Amino acid sequence: MTQENHPVRFFAEEVDMPSVNLSRAARWLEKVAREEKQALGEISVIFCSDEYLYRLNVEHLQHHTYTDIITFPYSDSDGISGDLFISTERVEENAREFNSTFEEELHRVLVHGLLHLLGYTDKTDEEKTEMRRLEDHYLKEVFNRA
């Protein structure tokens, strides 16, 4: 599988590409979409710095806060499409804060972004609880946990 013909593609802006198995992550995201009864169109995952993501957050969402991910959905007749901008610096910090690994926290952020593209929101406490439940469910699959 080459990245060019795969619906999930990875890029880096102002940071190095994370040293995790991105092919496995892409296949996992496709599986999550299938389980949610959706097909993937084109998903671009752009790994970036905290400052890069902060600038996007201010410019596009008028939020003056740091975050780990911003999701931009796009209409596509061939399936769910969009851009996932992920701060690898924030993922590293979250992994330390939550006593997790970088890889696990990165997968949590990836699936969180995909769930947004699939139509899930996290504006209310109930929605946040459902998003976390789904994240945990899909993380169990990728990390083979009971």
N, C-alpha and C. Protein backbone atom coordinates (compact mmCIF):
# COMPACT_ATOMS: atom_id res chain seq x y z
N MET A 1 0.86 -1.18 0.00
CA MET A 1 0.00 0.00 0.00
C MET A 1 0.90 1.23 0.00
N THR A 2 0.72 2.07 -0.99
CA THR A 2 1.46 3.32 -1.00
C THR A 2 0.55 4.44 -0.54
N GLN A 3 1.17 5.45 0.00
CA GLN A 3 0.38 6.57 0.52
C GLN A 3 -0.40 7.25 -0.59
N GLU A 4 0.13 7.30 -1.80
CA GLU A 4 -0.50 8.05 -2.88
C GLU A 4 -1.89 7.52 -3.22
N ASN A 5 -2.13 6.21 -3.11
CA ASN A 5 -3.44 5.68 -3.48
C ASN A 5 -4.27 5.29 -2.26
N HIS A 6 -3.87 5.71 -1.12
CA HIS A 6 -4.58 5.38 0.11
C HIS A 6 -5.44 6.58 0.51
N PRO A 7 -6.65 6.33 1.05
CA PRO A 7 -7.51 7.47 1.41
C PRO A 7 -6.99 8.30 2.59
N VAL A 8 -6.09 7.74 3.39
CA VAL A 8 -5.51 8.49 4.50
C VAL A 8 -4.06 8.80 4.16
N ARG A 9 -3.75 10.09 4.12
CA ARG A 9 -2.39 10.52 3.78
C ARG A 9 -1.85 11.38 4.91
N PHE A 10 -0.55 11.30 5.11
CA PHE A 10 0.10 11.99 6.22
C PHE A 10 1.11 13.01 5.71
N PHE A 11 1.14 14.16 6.39
CA PHE A 11 2.03 15.26 6.05
C PHE A 11 2.56 15.86 7.35
N ALA A 12 3.62 16.64 7.25
CA ALA A 12 4.18 17.31 8.42
C ALA A 12 4.48 18.77 8.09
N GLU A 13 4.11 19.66 9.00
CA GLU A 13 4.37 21.09 8.89
C GLU A 13 5.08 21.54 10.16
N GLU A 14 6.28 22.03 10.03
CA GLU A 14 7.07 22.57 11.15
C GLU A 14 7.49 21.53 12.18
N VAL A 15 7.24 20.24 11.93
CA VAL A 15 7.67 19.17 12.82
C VAL A 15 8.12 17.98 11.98
N ASP A 16 8.81 17.04 12.61
CA ASP A 16 9.16 15.79 11.94
C ASP A 16 7.95 14.87 11.93
N MET A 17 7.91 13.98 10.95
CA MET A 17 6.85 12.97 10.90
C MET A 17 7.02 12.06 12.12
N PRO A 18 5.94 11.77 12.85
CA PRO A 18 6.06 10.90 14.02
C PRO A 18 6.59 9.52 13.63
N SER A 19 7.37 8.94 14.53
CA SER A 19 7.96 7.63 14.26
C SER A 19 7.06 6.53 14.82
N VAL A 20 5.86 6.45 14.27
CA VAL A 20 4.92 5.38 14.59
C VAL A 20 4.50 4.75 13.27
N ASN A 21 3.86 3.62 13.34
CA ASN A 21 3.45 2.91 12.13
C ASN A 21 2.20 3.59 11.56
N LEU A 22 2.43 4.51 10.63
CA LEU A 22 1.33 5.28 10.06
C LEU A 22 0.48 4.44 9.11
N SER A 23 1.05 3.45 8.48
CA SER A 23 0.25 2.56 7.62
C SER A 23 -0.78 1.81 8.45
N ARG A 24 -0.35 1.33 9.59
CA ARG A 24 -1.26 0.64 10.51
C ARG A 24 -2.35 1.60 10.99
N ALA A 25 -1.97 2.82 11.32
CA ALA A 25 -2.95 3.81 11.77
C ALA A 25 -3.97 4.10 10.67
N ALA A 26 -3.52 4.20 9.44
CA ALA A 26 -4.42 4.47 8.31
C ALA A 26 -5.41 3.32 8.12
N ARG A 27 -4.92 2.09 8.18
CA ARG A 27 -5.81 0.93 8.04
C ARG A 27 -6.83 0.89 9.18
N TRP A 28 -6.38 1.24 10.39
CA TRP A 28 -7.27 1.27 11.54
C TRP A 28 -8.37 2.32 11.36
N LEU A 29 -8.01 3.50 10.87
CA LEU A 29 -9.02 4.54 10.64
C LEU A 29 -10.05 4.09 9.62
N GLU A 30 -9.60 3.38 8.58
CA GLU A 30 -10.54 2.84 7.59
C GLU A 30 -11.49 1.84 8.25
N LYS A 31 -10.94 1.02 9.13
CA LYS A 31 -11.77 0.03 9.83
C LYS A 31 -12.80 0.71 10.72
N VAL A 32 -12.38 1.76 11.42
CA VAL A 32 -13.31 2.51 12.27
C VAL A 32 -14.44 3.07 11.41
N ALA A 33 -14.12 3.65 10.28
CA ALA A 33 -15.15 4.21 9.39
C ALA A 33 -16.11 3.12 8.93
N ARG A 34 -15.57 1.96 8.58
CA ARG A 34 -16.45 0.85 8.16
C ARG A 34 -17.37 0.44 9.28
N GLU A 35 -16.84 0.34 10.51
CA GLU A 35 -17.68 -0.04 11.65
C GLU A 35 -18.76 1.00 11.92
N GLU A 36 -18.46 2.25 11.56
CA GLU A 36 -19.45 3.32 11.70
C GLU A 36 -20.34 3.41 10.45
N LYS A 37 -20.18 2.44 9.55
CA LYS A 37 -20.98 2.34 8.32
C LYS A 37 -20.81 3.53 7.40
N GLN A 38 -19.55 3.99 7.30
CA GLN A 38 -19.18 5.10 6.42
C GLN A 38 -17.96 4.69 5.61
N ALA A 39 -17.83 5.28 4.44
CA ALA A 39 -16.65 5.07 3.61
C ALA A 39 -15.77 6.31 3.70
N LEU A 40 -14.47 6.09 3.64
CA LEU A 40 -13.55 7.22 3.65
C LEU A 40 -13.36 7.73 2.23
N GLY A 41 -13.40 9.04 2.10
CA GLY A 41 -12.99 9.70 0.87
C GLY A 41 -11.50 9.95 1.01
N GLU A 42 -11.11 11.20 1.07
CA GLU A 42 -9.71 11.56 1.29
C GLU A 42 -9.55 12.22 2.64
N ILE A 43 -8.66 11.66 3.44
CA ILE A 43 -8.35 12.21 4.76
C ILE A 43 -6.87 12.60 4.74
N SER A 44 -6.60 13.87 5.01
CA SER A 44 -5.22 14.33 5.16
C SER A 44 -4.97 14.58 6.63
N VAL A 45 -3.92 13.95 7.14
CA VAL A 45 -3.50 14.16 8.52
C VAL A 45 -2.23 14.99 8.45
N ILE A 46 -2.28 16.18 9.02
CA ILE A 46 -1.15 17.09 8.98
C ILE A 46 -0.61 17.25 10.40
N PHE A 47 0.57 16.69 10.63
CA PHE A 47 1.22 16.83 11.93
C PHE A 47 1.91 18.18 11.94
N CYS A 48 1.75 18.92 13.04
CA CYS A 48 2.30 20.27 13.08
C CYS A 48 2.71 20.64 14.50
N SER A 49 3.26 21.83 14.63
CA SER A 49 3.69 22.34 15.94
C SER A 49 2.51 22.96 16.68
N ASP A 50 2.70 23.18 17.97
CA ASP A 50 1.70 23.88 18.77
C ASP A 50 1.38 25.25 18.17
N GLU A 51 2.42 25.98 17.80
CA GLU A 51 2.22 27.34 17.29
C GLU A 51 1.48 27.33 15.96
N TYR A 52 1.79 26.38 15.10
CA TYR A 52 1.11 26.27 13.81
C TYR A 52 -0.38 26.03 14.04
N LEU A 53 -0.71 25.10 14.94
CA LEU A 53 -2.11 24.79 15.21
C LEU A 53 -2.81 25.94 15.93
N TYR A 54 -2.09 26.61 16.80
CA TYR A 54 -2.65 27.78 17.48
C TYR A 54 -3.05 28.84 16.44
N ARG A 55 -2.18 29.10 15.48
CA ARG A 55 -2.49 30.09 14.43
C ARG A 55 -3.73 29.69 13.65
N LEU A 56 -3.87 28.39 13.32
CA LEU A 56 -5.08 27.92 12.63
C LEU A 56 -6.31 28.11 13.50
N ASN A 57 -6.18 27.82 14.79
CA ASN A 57 -7.29 27.93 15.72
C ASN A 57 -7.79 29.38 15.79
N VAL A 58 -6.85 30.33 15.84
CA VAL A 58 -7.22 31.74 15.90
C VAL A 58 -7.82 32.18 14.56
N GLU A 59 -7.14 31.84 13.47
CA GLU A 59 -7.55 32.32 12.15
C GLU A 59 -8.90 31.76 11.70
N HIS A 60 -9.12 30.47 11.90
CA HIS A 60 -10.31 29.82 11.36
C HIS A 60 -11.45 29.68 12.37
N LEU A 61 -11.13 29.58 13.64
CA LEU A 61 -12.18 29.34 14.65
C LEU A 61 -12.30 30.46 15.67
N GLN A 62 -11.40 31.43 15.58
CA GLN A 62 -11.38 32.55 16.52
C GLN A 62 -11.25 32.07 17.97
N HIS A 63 -10.56 30.95 18.16
CA HIS A 63 -10.27 30.43 19.50
C HIS A 63 -8.81 30.75 19.81
N HIS A 64 -8.58 31.44 20.90
CA HIS A 64 -7.22 31.80 21.28
C HIS A 64 -6.71 30.82 22.33
N THR A 65 -6.71 29.54 21.97
CA THR A 65 -6.26 28.48 22.87
C THR A 65 -5.43 27.47 22.09
N TYR A 66 -4.58 26.77 22.82
CA TYR A 66 -3.84 25.65 22.24
C TYR A 66 -4.75 24.43 22.29
N THR A 67 -4.56 23.54 21.32
CA THR A 67 -5.37 22.33 21.26
C THR A 67 -4.53 21.23 20.63
N ASP A 68 -5.01 20.00 20.72
CA ASP A 68 -4.25 18.89 20.13
C ASP A 68 -4.68 18.61 18.69
N ILE A 69 -5.92 18.97 18.33
CA ILE A 69 -6.41 18.68 16.98
C ILE A 69 -7.46 19.70 16.56
N ILE A 70 -7.42 20.02 15.29
CA ILE A 70 -8.50 20.77 14.64
C ILE A 70 -8.90 19.96 13.41
N THR A 71 -10.20 19.78 13.25
CA THR A 71 -10.74 18.98 12.16
C THR A 71 -11.48 19.89 11.20
N PHE A 72 -11.15 19.78 9.92
CA PHE A 72 -11.85 20.52 8.87
C PHE A 72 -12.52 19.51 7.94
N PRO A 73 -13.84 19.37 8.03
CA PRO A 73 -14.54 18.42 7.15
C PRO A 73 -14.76 19.02 5.76
N TYR A 74 -14.78 18.15 4.75
CA TYR A 74 -15.07 18.55 3.38
C TYR A 74 -16.13 17.64 2.81
N SER A 75 -17.00 18.20 2.02
CA SER A 75 -18.00 17.38 1.33
C SER A 75 -17.31 16.61 0.22
N ASP A 76 -17.67 15.36 0.11
CA ASP A 76 -17.09 14.51 -0.93
C ASP A 76 -18.09 13.41 -1.21
N SER A 77 -18.50 13.30 -2.45
CA SER A 77 -19.50 12.28 -2.80
C SER A 77 -18.94 10.87 -2.66
N ASP A 78 -17.62 10.73 -2.58
CA ASP A 78 -17.01 9.41 -2.47
C ASP A 78 -16.80 8.97 -1.03
N GLY A 79 -17.25 9.74 -0.07
CA GLY A 79 -17.09 9.33 1.33
C GLY A 79 -16.71 10.49 2.22
N ILE A 80 -16.42 10.15 3.45
CA ILE A 80 -16.04 11.14 4.46
C ILE A 80 -14.65 11.68 4.13
N SER A 81 -14.52 13.00 4.03
CA SER A 81 -13.25 13.62 3.70
C SER A 81 -12.97 14.80 4.61
N GLY A 82 -11.71 15.09 4.81
CA GLY A 82 -11.34 16.25 5.60
C GLY A 82 -9.87 16.26 5.95
N ASP A 83 -9.50 17.32 6.65
CA ASP A 83 -8.14 17.50 7.13
C ASP A 83 -8.13 17.42 8.64
N LEU A 84 -7.17 16.68 9.17
CA LEU A 84 -6.95 16.59 10.61
C LEU A 84 -5.58 17.21 10.90
N PHE A 85 -5.58 18.38 11.52
CA PHE A 85 -4.33 19.03 11.92
C PHE A 85 -4.06 18.65 13.36
N ILE A 86 -2.90 18.03 13.61
CA ILE A 86 -2.58 17.49 14.93
C ILE A 86 -1.25 18.06 15.41
N SER A 87 -1.28 18.66 16.62
CA SER A 87 -0.06 19.14 17.24
C SER A 87 0.65 17.97 17.90
N THR A 88 1.79 17.58 17.36
CA THR A 88 2.54 16.48 17.98
C THR A 88 3.11 16.90 19.33
N GLU A 89 3.38 18.19 19.49
CA GLU A 89 3.84 18.68 20.80
C GLU A 89 2.76 18.50 21.85
N ARG A 90 1.53 18.80 21.50
CA ARG A 90 0.41 18.66 22.44
C ARG A 90 0.15 17.17 22.72
N VAL A 91 0.29 16.33 21.70
CA VAL A 91 0.11 14.88 21.90
C VAL A 91 1.16 14.36 22.89
N GLU A 92 2.41 14.80 22.73
CA GLU A 92 3.47 14.40 23.67
C GLU A 92 3.14 14.83 25.09
N GLU A 93 2.69 16.08 25.24
CA GLU A 93 2.35 16.59 26.56
C GLU A 93 1.17 15.83 27.16
N ASN A 94 0.15 15.56 26.36
CA ASN A 94 -1.01 14.80 26.85
C ASN A 94 -0.61 13.40 27.27
N ALA A 95 0.27 12.78 26.51
CA ALA A 95 0.71 11.42 26.85
C ALA A 95 1.37 11.42 28.23
N ARG A 96 2.21 12.41 28.49
CA ARG A 96 2.85 12.50 29.82
C ARG A 96 1.79 12.76 30.90
N GLU A 97 0.88 13.71 30.63
CA GLU A 97 -0.12 14.09 31.62
C GLU A 97 -1.05 12.93 31.98
N PHE A 98 -1.42 12.12 30.98
CA PHE A 98 -2.37 11.03 31.21
C PHE A 98 -1.69 9.68 31.37
N ASN A 99 -0.35 9.70 31.57
CA ASN A 99 0.42 8.48 31.78
C ASN A 99 0.15 7.45 30.68
N SER A 100 0.28 7.91 29.46
CA SER A 100 0.03 7.10 28.28
C SER A 100 1.29 7.13 27.41
N THR A 101 1.26 6.39 26.33
CA THR A 101 2.37 6.46 25.38
C THR A 101 2.02 7.48 24.29
N PHE A 102 3.05 7.98 23.62
CA PHE A 102 2.82 8.89 22.50
C PHE A 102 1.93 8.22 21.46
N GLU A 103 2.23 6.96 21.14
CA GLU A 103 1.47 6.26 20.11
C GLU A 103 -0.01 6.12 20.48
N GLU A 104 -0.29 5.77 21.72
CA GLU A 104 -1.68 5.62 22.13
C GLU A 104 -2.40 6.97 22.10
N GLU A 105 -1.76 8.00 22.60
CA GLU A 105 -2.40 9.32 22.61
C GLU A 105 -2.59 9.82 21.17
N LEU A 106 -1.64 9.54 20.29
CA LEU A 106 -1.80 9.93 18.89
C LEU A 106 -2.99 9.22 18.28
N HIS A 107 -3.15 7.95 18.55
CA HIS A 107 -4.30 7.22 18.03
C HIS A 107 -5.61 7.77 18.60
N ARG A 108 -5.61 8.16 19.88
CA ARG A 108 -6.81 8.75 20.46
C ARG A 108 -7.19 10.03 19.71
N VAL A 109 -6.19 10.87 19.44
CA VAL A 109 -6.46 12.12 18.74
C VAL A 109 -6.90 11.84 17.29
N LEU A 110 -6.27 10.86 16.64
CA LEU A 110 -6.67 10.50 15.28
C LEU A 110 -8.13 10.06 15.22
N VAL A 111 -8.52 9.17 16.12
CA VAL A 111 -9.89 8.68 16.09
C VAL A 111 -10.86 9.77 16.51
N HIS A 112 -10.44 10.64 17.41
CA HIS A 112 -11.28 11.77 17.81
C HIS A 112 -11.60 12.63 16.58
N GLY A 113 -10.58 12.94 15.80
CA GLY A 113 -10.80 13.73 14.59
C GLY A 113 -11.68 13.01 13.59
N LEU A 114 -11.46 11.72 13.42
CA LEU A 114 -12.29 10.94 12.49
C LEU A 114 -13.74 10.93 12.96
N LEU A 115 -13.96 10.78 14.26
CA LEU A 115 -15.33 10.79 14.77
C LEU A 115 -16.02 12.12 14.48
N HIS A 116 -15.27 13.21 14.57
CA HIS A 116 -15.84 14.50 14.18
C HIS A 116 -16.24 14.49 12.70
N LEU A 117 -15.37 13.96 11.85
CA LEU A 117 -15.70 13.88 10.42
C LEU A 117 -16.93 13.01 10.18
N LEU A 118 -17.13 12.02 11.04
CA LEU A 118 -18.27 11.12 10.91
C LEU A 118 -19.56 11.72 11.47
N GLY A 119 -19.45 12.93 12.04
CA GLY A 119 -20.65 13.62 12.49
C GLY A 119 -20.83 13.72 13.99
N TYR A 120 -19.93 13.12 14.76
CA TYR A 120 -20.02 13.21 16.22
C TYR A 120 -19.52 14.59 16.67
N THR A 121 -20.14 15.10 17.72
CA THR A 121 -19.71 16.37 18.29
C THR A 121 -19.43 16.19 19.77
N ASP A 122 -18.78 17.18 20.36
CA ASP A 122 -18.46 17.10 21.78
C ASP A 122 -18.69 18.43 22.47
N LYS A 123 -19.80 19.05 22.15
CA LYS A 123 -20.15 20.35 22.73
C LYS A 123 -20.77 20.21 24.11
N THR A 124 -21.57 19.18 24.33
CA THR A 124 -22.22 18.99 25.62
C THR A 124 -21.50 17.90 26.41
N ASP A 125 -21.80 17.82 27.70
CA ASP A 125 -21.20 16.77 28.53
C ASP A 125 -21.58 15.39 28.02
N GLU A 126 -22.83 15.22 27.59
CA GLU A 126 -23.29 13.93 27.07
C GLU A 126 -22.54 13.56 25.79
N GLU A 127 -22.34 14.53 24.92
CA GLU A 127 -21.61 14.27 23.67
C GLU A 127 -20.15 13.94 23.96
N LYS A 128 -19.56 14.65 24.92
CA LYS A 128 -18.17 14.36 25.30
C LYS A 128 -18.04 12.94 25.84
N THR A 129 -19.01 12.53 26.66
CA THR A 129 -19.00 11.18 27.21
C THR A 129 -19.09 10.14 26.10
N GLU A 130 -19.97 10.36 25.13
CA GLU A 130 -20.12 9.42 24.01
C GLU A 130 -18.85 9.38 23.16
N MET A 131 -18.25 10.53 22.90
CA MET A 131 -16.99 10.56 22.13
C MET A 131 -15.91 9.76 22.85
N ARG A 132 -15.79 9.96 24.15
CA ARG A 132 -14.76 9.25 24.93
C ARG A 132 -15.03 7.75 24.92
N ARG A 133 -16.30 7.36 25.02
CA ARG A 133 -16.65 5.93 24.98
C ARG A 133 -16.23 5.33 23.64
N LEU A 134 -16.52 6.03 22.55
CA LEU A 134 -16.14 5.53 21.23
C LEU A 134 -14.63 5.50 21.06
N GLU A 135 -13.95 6.54 21.51
CA GLU A 135 -12.48 6.54 21.45
C GLU A 135 -11.92 5.32 22.17
N ASP A 136 -12.39 5.10 23.40
CA ASP A 136 -11.91 3.96 24.19
C ASP A 136 -12.21 2.64 23.48
N HIS A 137 -13.41 2.52 22.92
CA HIS A 137 -13.80 1.30 22.19
C HIS A 137 -12.83 1.02 21.05
N TYR A 138 -12.57 2.02 20.23
CA TYR A 138 -11.71 1.81 19.06
C TYR A 138 -10.24 1.67 19.45
N LEU A 139 -9.82 2.32 20.53
CA LEU A 139 -8.44 2.13 20.99
C LEU A 139 -8.21 0.71 21.47
N LYS A 140 -9.23 0.10 22.08
CA LYS A 140 -9.11 -1.30 22.50
C LYS A 140 -8.80 -2.18 21.30
N GLU A 141 -9.42 -1.87 20.17
CA GLU A 141 -9.21 -2.68 18.96
C GLU A 141 -7.76 -2.55 18.47
N VAL A 142 -7.27 -1.34 18.36
CA VAL A 142 -5.95 -1.15 17.78
C VAL A 142 -4.83 -1.61 18.72
N PHE A 143 -5.06 -1.51 20.03
CA PHE A 143 -4.04 -1.92 20.98
C PHE A 143 -4.36 -3.27 21.61
N ASN A 144 -5.33 -4.00 21.03
CA ASN A 144 -5.67 -5.36 21.45
C ASN A 144 -5.86 -5.49 22.95
N ARG A 145 -6.70 -4.62 23.49
CA ARG A 145 -6.98 -4.68 24.92
C ARG A 145 -8.34 -5.30 25.16
N ALA A 146 -8.46 -5.94 26.30
CA ALA A 146 -9.74 -6.56 26.65
C ALA A 146 -10.74 -5.53 27.13
